[in-house]
Amino acid sequence: MTNMLRNKNKDLEVRKREKEDIKTEIYALSQSISMSAHKARRVLDQIRGRSYQETLMILELMPYRACYPIFKVIYSAAANAKHNMGLNEEYLVIIKATVDEGTTVKKLKPRARGRSYTIKRPTCHITIVLKDISLYEESVVENSIGLGTIQGHHSLWFAQPKNYSKGLQEDQKIRECIKNYVQKNMRISSGVEGIARIEIQKRIDLIQIIIHMGFPKLLVEEFIAGQLRNRVSFRKAIKKAIELTEQADTKGIQVQIAGRIDGKEIARVEWIREGRVPLQTIRAKIDYCSYRVRTIYGVLGIKIWIFVDEE
């Protein structure tokens, strides 16, 4: 009897988890698209597993005709996630992108003297599934490889397994609210320190939020993003940001920018490193952050590694 009750409880937990996954997944289906499945599959293989914003940038740059109908399906799914479910587009990831062959449409092509010949046009069905990753641990902890050696957790609390995802979502909303308030109501210049990290400690009847002010990550990424929006050369923006980090006694910095840099037609990746940035050792305390900036040429991705100290 006890084994049967345990099995039933496990089945109920699995069903609850499946329902929670359904709430974070968004489906979009487009049927009878006038295109062969091979041409659509060639594009879907390039975007599967990527984020929503990165997918839009790839579809805008690829020269294939199949990009436009796939773009409409993904855009429709993201719009449903935003308006109907209240999800943030920044945390949407394409977890499934499939294409199935549809019916073959036959048409008659008229010729001279009352003759004609048949034209066969294949169709396909495209299915896109987006998922919100803000509820999962890997999307919140960016520097998980150094936990326990050079740094601690940014969220300290205990919860039951069924309430764990809700706690992560609550932490993410708190951090977004604080960062949005700072960006709207404070003007951060090169001489003022910004938010380095936000720690959240939860107790039974108290939530304690600790805001650490520091120079490195926030100011560098915001400075580079502002310069790129104003059409400043990316090399000048990076070199100026490196000069700013030298004031904070850092041992090294590496900045990487990807996308249509300086308005070029072909997307590429450029990076500049100053000093030492030992990414191969866990003893090195390295601050990492990623940032997306929208320009008139498209979306640019910025990644920054700052070598602070070594233990």
Protein backbone atom coordinates (compact mmCIF):
# COMPACT_ATOMS: atom_id res chain seq x y z
CA MET A 1 0.00 0.00 0.00
CA THR A 2 2.79 2.43 0.85
CA ASN A 3 4.48 1.78 -2.51
CA MET A 4 1.23 2.41 -4.36
CA LEU A 5 0.72 5.72 -2.52
CA ARG A 6 4.28 6.77 -3.31
CA ASN A 7 3.80 5.99 -6.98
CA LYS A 8 0.57 7.98 -7.05
CA ASN A 9 2.26 10.94 -5.40
CA LYS A 10 5.09 10.79 -7.94
CA ASP A 11 2.58 10.73 -10.79
CA LEU A 12 0.81 13.77 -9.37
CA GLU A 13 4.11 15.65 -9.06
CA VAL A 14 5.03 14.80 -12.66
CA ARG A 15 1.64 16.05 -13.89
CA LYS A 16 2.04 19.29 -11.94
CA ARG A 17 5.48 19.86 -13.45
CA GLU A 18 4.10 19.19 -16.93
CA LYS A 19 1.37 21.77 -16.35
CA GLU A 20 3.96 24.32 -15.21
CA ASP A 21 6.03 23.64 -18.34
CA ILE A 22 2.95 24.16 -20.52
CA LYS A 23 2.42 27.59 -18.95
CA THR A 24 5.93 28.64 -19.99
CA GLU A 25 5.77 27.21 -23.53
CA ILE A 26 4.20 29.02 -26.47
CA TYR A 27 3.22 27.21 -29.66
CA ALA A 28 2.73 28.70 -33.12
CA LEU A 29 1.73 26.78 -36.26
CA SER A 30 1.60 27.94 -39.86
CA GLN A 31 0.03 25.57 -42.38
CA SER A 32 0.10 25.19 -46.15
CA ILE A 33 3.02 27.54 -46.82
CA SER A 34 3.89 27.57 -50.52
CA MET A 35 7.43 26.31 -50.08
CA SER A 36 9.28 23.02 -50.01
CA ALA A 37 10.10 21.48 -46.63
CA HIS A 38 13.78 21.29 -47.59
CA LYS A 39 14.09 25.07 -48.00
CA ALA A 40 12.33 25.77 -44.70
CA ARG A 41 14.39 23.15 -42.85
CA ARG A 42 17.59 24.80 -44.04
CA VAL A 43 16.63 27.96 -42.14
CA LEU A 44 15.14 26.29 -39.06
CA ASP A 45 18.40 24.41 -38.41
CA GLN A 46 20.15 27.76 -37.95
CA ILE A 47 17.75 29.19 -35.34
CA ARG A 48 16.88 26.14 -33.24
CA GLY A 49 18.03 26.62 -29.64
CA ARG A 50 18.70 30.36 -30.00
CA SER A 51 17.09 33.26 -28.17
CA TYR A 52 14.22 35.24 -29.67
CA GLN A 53 16.16 38.46 -30.27
CA GLU A 54 19.13 36.61 -31.77
CA THR A 55 16.77 34.71 -34.07
CA LEU A 56 15.24 37.92 -35.42
CA MET A 57 18.71 39.25 -36.23
CA ILE A 58 19.66 36.02 -38.04
CA LEU A 59 16.45 35.97 -40.10
CA GLU A 60 16.97 39.58 -41.15
CA LEU A 61 20.49 38.85 -42.41
CA MET A 62 19.98 35.49 -44.14
CA PRO A 63 19.35 35.78 -47.90
CA TYR A 64 16.78 32.96 -48.22
CA ARG A 65 13.13 33.45 -49.20
CA ALA A 66 12.04 31.07 -46.44
CA CYS A 67 13.13 33.56 -43.77
CA TYR A 68 10.08 35.82 -44.11
CA PRO A 69 7.30 33.24 -43.40
CA ILE A 70 9.36 31.80 -40.52
CA PHE A 71 9.88 35.33 -39.18
CA LYS A 72 6.11 35.90 -39.15
CA VAL A 73 5.47 32.66 -37.23
CA ILE A 74 8.10 33.44 -34.57
CA TYR A 75 6.95 37.04 -34.24
CA SER A 76 3.35 35.87 -33.79
CA ALA A 77 4.35 33.40 -31.07
CA ALA A 78 6.34 36.06 -29.20
CA ALA A 79 3.43 38.51 -29.42
CA ASN A 80 1.09 35.91 -27.91
CA ALA A 81 3.58 35.27 -25.11
CA LYS A 82 3.83 38.98 -24.32
CA HIS A 83 0.16 40.01 -24.52
CA ASN A 84 -1.64 36.83 -23.41
CA MET A 85 0.78 35.36 -20.87
CA GLY A 86 2.72 38.44 -19.75
CA LEU A 87 6.14 36.96 -20.54
CA ASN A 88 9.25 38.97 -21.33
CA GLU A 89 10.60 38.61 -24.87
CA GLU A 90 14.20 38.79 -23.64
CA TYR A 91 13.89 35.38 -21.93
CA LEU A 92 12.23 33.50 -24.80
CA VAL A 93 14.20 30.70 -26.43
CA ILE A 94 13.27 28.54 -29.42
CA ILE A 95 13.29 25.00 -28.05
CA LYS A 96 11.53 23.36 -30.99
CA ALA A 97 11.36 24.23 -34.69
CA THR A 98 10.01 21.56 -37.05
CA VAL A 99 8.68 21.44 -40.58
CA ASP A 100 6.39 18.81 -42.13
CA GLU A 101 5.57 18.23 -45.77
CA GLY A 102 2.10 19.30 -46.86
CA THR A 103 -0.03 18.64 -49.89
CA THR A 104 1.27 19.25 -53.39
CA VAL A 105 -0.75 21.86 -55.27
CA LYS A 106 -1.21 21.24 -58.99
CA LYS A 107 -1.77 24.15 -61.33
CA LEU A 108 -2.19 24.43 -65.09
CA LYS A 109 0.10 26.68 -67.08
CA PRO A 110 -1.63 27.80 -70.32
CA ARG A 111 0.29 27.64 -73.57
CA ALA A 112 -0.42 28.48 -77.21
CA ARG A 113 -3.09 26.71 -79.29
CA GLY A 114 -5.11 25.65 -76.27
CA ARG A 115 -2.38 23.53 -74.78
CA SER A 116 -1.27 23.52 -71.13
CA TYR A 117 1.01 21.67 -68.75
CA THR A 118 0.83 21.02 -65.00
CA ILE A 119 2.95 22.73 -62.36
CA LYS A 120 3.48 21.00 -59.01
CA ARG A 121 4.09 23.32 -56.08
CA PRO A 122 4.90 21.72 -52.70
CA THR A 123 3.63 23.08 -49.38
CA CYS A 124 4.80 22.64 -45.80
CA HIS A 125 3.66 23.14 -42.20
CA ILE A 126 5.97 24.97 -39.75
CA THR A 127 5.75 24.53 -35.96
CA ILE A 128 7.60 26.83 -33.55
CA VAL A 129 7.76 26.39 -29.76
CA LEU A 130 9.13 29.17 -27.54
CA LYS A 131 9.94 28.76 -23.86
CA ASP A 132 10.52 31.26 -21.06
CA ILE A 133 13.83 30.41 -19.35
CA SER A 134 13.55 33.03 -16.60
CA LEU A 135 12.02 30.40 -14.28
CA TYR A 136 15.05 28.14 -14.36
CA GLU A 137 18.26 28.27 -12.43
CA GLU A 138 20.64 28.34 -15.37
CA SER A 139 19.16 31.62 -16.61
CA VAL A 140 19.61 33.35 -13.25
CA VAL A 141 23.08 32.22 -12.14
CA GLU A 142 25.48 33.49 -14.80
CA ASN A 143 28.74 32.68 -12.96
CA SER A 144 27.77 29.25 -11.61
CA ILE A 145 31.21 27.77 -12.39
CA GLY A 146 32.81 29.87 -9.65
CA LEU A 147 30.28 29.22 -6.90
CA GLY A 148 31.84 27.99 -3.69
CA THR A 149 35.39 28.95 -4.67
CA ILE A 150 35.59 32.67 -5.47
CA GLN A 151 32.03 33.84 -4.86
CA GLY A 152 28.75 32.91 -3.22
CA HIS A 153 25.15 32.74 -4.33
CA HIS A 154 23.28 35.93 -5.17
CA SER A 155 20.03 34.43 -3.86
CA LEU A 156 19.91 32.85 -0.39
CA TRP A 157 16.65 31.14 0.58
CA PHE A 158 15.00 27.74 0.96
CA ALA A 159 11.85 26.52 -0.78
CA GLN A 160 10.03 23.30 -1.53
CA PRO A 161 10.59 21.82 -5.02
CA LYS A 162 7.09 22.77 -6.18
CA ASN A 163 7.67 26.44 -5.19
CA TYR A 164 11.25 26.71 -6.44
CA SER A 165 10.40 28.13 -9.88
CA LYS A 166 8.12 30.75 -8.34
CA GLY A 167 10.92 31.92 -6.06
CA LEU A 168 13.34 32.30 -8.99
CA GLN A 169 10.75 34.26 -10.95
CA GLU A 170 10.18 36.54 -7.96
CA ASP A 171 13.93 37.22 -7.64
CA GLN A 172 14.17 38.03 -11.34
CA LYS A 173 11.29 40.52 -11.12
CA ILE A 174 12.87 42.23 -8.09
CA ARG A 175 16.20 42.67 -9.89
CA GLU A 176 14.51 43.96 -13.06
CA CYS A 177 12.44 46.45 -11.06
CA ILE A 178 15.52 47.85 -9.30
CA LYS A 179 17.57 48.07 -12.51
CA ASN A 180 14.74 49.75 -14.44
CA TYR A 181 14.28 52.30 -11.64
CA VAL A 182 17.99 53.11 -11.68
CA GLN A 183 18.05 53.51 -15.47
CA LYS A 184 15.00 55.80 -15.52
CA ASN A 185 15.67 58.00 -12.47
CA MET A 186 19.46 58.16 -12.24
CA ARG A 187 22.00 59.52 -14.69
CA ILE A 188 25.14 57.47 -14.33
CA SER A 189 28.30 59.23 -15.47
CA SER A 190 31.87 57.98 -15.66
CA GLY A 191 32.64 59.26 -12.17
CA VAL A 192 29.70 57.64 -10.36
CA GLU A 193 29.51 54.00 -9.38
CA GLY A 194 26.67 51.78 -10.57
CA ILE A 195 25.02 48.54 -9.41
CA ALA A 196 27.48 45.66 -9.48
CA ARG A 197 25.12 42.95 -8.15
CA ILE A 198 21.92 42.49 -6.15
CA GLU A 199 21.72 39.90 -3.38
CA ILE A 200 18.36 38.64 -2.11
CA GLN A 201 17.96 36.91 1.25
CA LYS A 202 14.53 35.52 2.17
CA ARG A 203 13.37 34.54 5.63
CA ILE A 204 10.01 33.48 6.98
CA ASP A 205 8.64 36.99 7.44
CA LEU A 206 11.34 39.16 5.87
CA ILE A 207 12.95 39.74 2.47
CA GLN A 208 16.34 41.46 2.65
CA ILE A 209 17.78 43.04 -0.50
CA ILE A 210 21.47 44.03 -0.55
CA ILE A 211 22.61 46.27 -3.43
CA HIS A 212 26.36 46.27 -4.07
CA MET A 213 27.62 49.39 -5.78
CA GLY A 214 30.67 48.99 -7.97
CA PHE A 215 32.29 50.31 -11.10
CA PRO A 216 33.17 47.47 -13.43
CA LYS A 217 30.26 45.80 -15.19
CA LEU A 218 27.36 48.23 -15.31
CA LEU A 219 29.16 51.36 -16.38
CA VAL A 220 31.25 49.68 -19.06
CA GLU A 221 28.31 48.02 -20.81
CA GLU A 222 26.12 51.14 -20.60
CA PHE A 223 28.92 53.35 -21.88
CA ILE A 224 29.62 51.09 -24.88
CA ALA A 225 25.89 50.73 -25.63
CA GLY A 226 25.40 54.49 -25.59
CA GLN A 227 28.36 55.05 -27.89
CA LEU A 228 27.13 52.44 -30.38
CA ARG A 229 23.65 54.02 -30.44
CA ASN A 230 25.28 57.34 -31.34
CA ARG A 231 27.11 55.67 -34.28
CA VAL A 232 30.55 55.97 -32.72
CA SER A 233 33.18 53.56 -34.03
CA PHE A 234 33.20 50.40 -31.94
CA ARG A 235 37.00 50.50 -31.53
CA LYS A 236 36.89 54.00 -30.08
CA ALA A 237 34.03 53.02 -27.75
CA ILE A 238 35.88 49.94 -26.48
CA LYS A 239 39.18 51.75 -25.97
CA LYS A 240 37.44 54.52 -24.03
CA ALA A 241 35.68 51.92 -21.86
CA ILE A 242 39.02 50.23 -21.17
CA GLU A 243 40.42 53.55 -20.00
CA LEU A 244 37.51 53.87 -17.57
CA THR A 245 38.15 50.42 -16.07
CA GLU A 246 41.79 51.31 -15.40
CA GLN A 247 40.53 53.70 -12.72
CA ALA A 248 39.06 50.74 -10.78
CA ASP A 249 42.42 48.90 -10.40
CA THR A 250 41.39 45.92 -12.52
CA LYS A 251 43.98 43.49 -13.85
CA GLY A 252 42.44 42.95 -17.26
CA ILE A 253 39.36 43.34 -19.42
CA GLN A 254 38.05 41.69 -22.58
CA VAL A 255 35.18 43.17 -24.62
CA GLN A 256 33.44 41.35 -27.47
CA ILE A 257 30.86 42.80 -29.87
CA ALA A 258 28.87 40.73 -32.39
CA GLY A 259 26.43 41.74 -35.12
CA ARG A 260 26.35 44.24 -37.98
CA ILE A 261 29.15 46.36 -36.58
CA ASP A 262 29.41 49.88 -38.04
CA GLY A 263 26.50 49.09 -40.36
CA LYS A 264 28.30 46.44 -42.43
CA GLU A 265 26.15 44.08 -44.46
CA ILE A 266 27.78 40.92 -43.08
CA ALA A 267 27.62 40.26 -39.35
CA ARG A 268 30.92 39.53 -37.61
CA VAL A 269 32.53 39.25 -34.17
CA GLU A 270 35.18 41.67 -32.93
CA TRP A 271 36.96 41.64 -29.58
CA ILE A 272 39.69 43.59 -27.80
CA ARG A 273 41.61 42.51 -24.70
CA GLU A 274 43.73 44.61 -22.39
CA GLY A 275 45.80 43.02 -19.63
CA ARG A 276 45.29 39.47 -18.35
CA VAL A 277 41.94 37.66 -18.55
CA PRO A 278 42.60 34.01 -17.49
CA LEU A 279 39.32 32.30 -18.36
CA GLN A 280 40.80 28.79 -17.99
CA THR A 281 41.25 28.83 -14.20
CA ILE A 282 38.58 28.88 -11.50
CA ARG A 283 40.80 30.71 -9.01
CA ALA A 284 40.56 33.89 -11.05
CA LYS A 285 37.70 36.14 -9.96
CA ILE A 286 36.22 37.35 -13.24
CA ASP A 287 33.09 39.44 -13.56
CA TYR A 288 31.04 38.62 -16.66
CA CYS A 289 28.01 40.30 -18.17
CA SER A 290 26.17 40.32 -21.50
CA TYR A 291 24.10 43.13 -22.97
CA ARG A 292 22.01 43.70 -26.10
CA VAL A 293 21.74 47.10 -27.73
CA ARG A 294 19.38 48.04 -30.54
CA THR A 295 20.79 50.27 -33.28
CA ILE A 296 19.45 51.42 -36.63
CA TYR A 297 21.40 48.57 -38.26
CA GLY A 298 19.99 45.85 -35.99
CA VAL A 299 20.79 44.23 -32.64
CA LEU A 300 24.37 44.12 -31.37
CA GLY A 301 25.49 41.77 -28.61
CA ILE A 302 28.08 42.94 -26.07
CA LYS A 303 30.02 40.59 -23.76
CA ILE A 304 32.44 41.80 -21.11
CA TRP A 305 34.96 39.90 -18.97
CA ILE A 306 36.74 41.82 -16.20
CA PHE A 307 39.61 40.20 -14.27
CA VAL A 308 39.30 41.56 -10.73
CA ASP A 309 41.61 39.43 -8.58
CA GLU A 310 43.08 35.95 -8.18
CA GLU A 311 42.97 33.79 -5.08
